[in-house]
Amino acid sequence: MIFNRIKILRAENDWTQADLAEKLNISRQAIISIEKYKYAPSLELAFKIAKVFNVSINEVFQYKEDKNDK
């Protein structure tokens, strides 16, 4: 499963979901879905998210192997 730190990074920057959505030119609903792990962003969007926070993609997204993946 891919985990993300978007909610944490938003809080550190004092951004709302709407603020981030506007910066990325996507809907607020998309941000909600990504934060709740209901939607995995495309690779392009993942890089854009990292760029708006000025961090590496590894600081936003992390893969953790699920027990069922083995």
Foldseek 3Di string as FASTA:
>chain_A
DKAFCLVVLCVVVVHDLCRLCVQLVHDSVVSVCVNVVNDDDDPVSLCSSCVVSVHGSCNTMDDDDDPVND
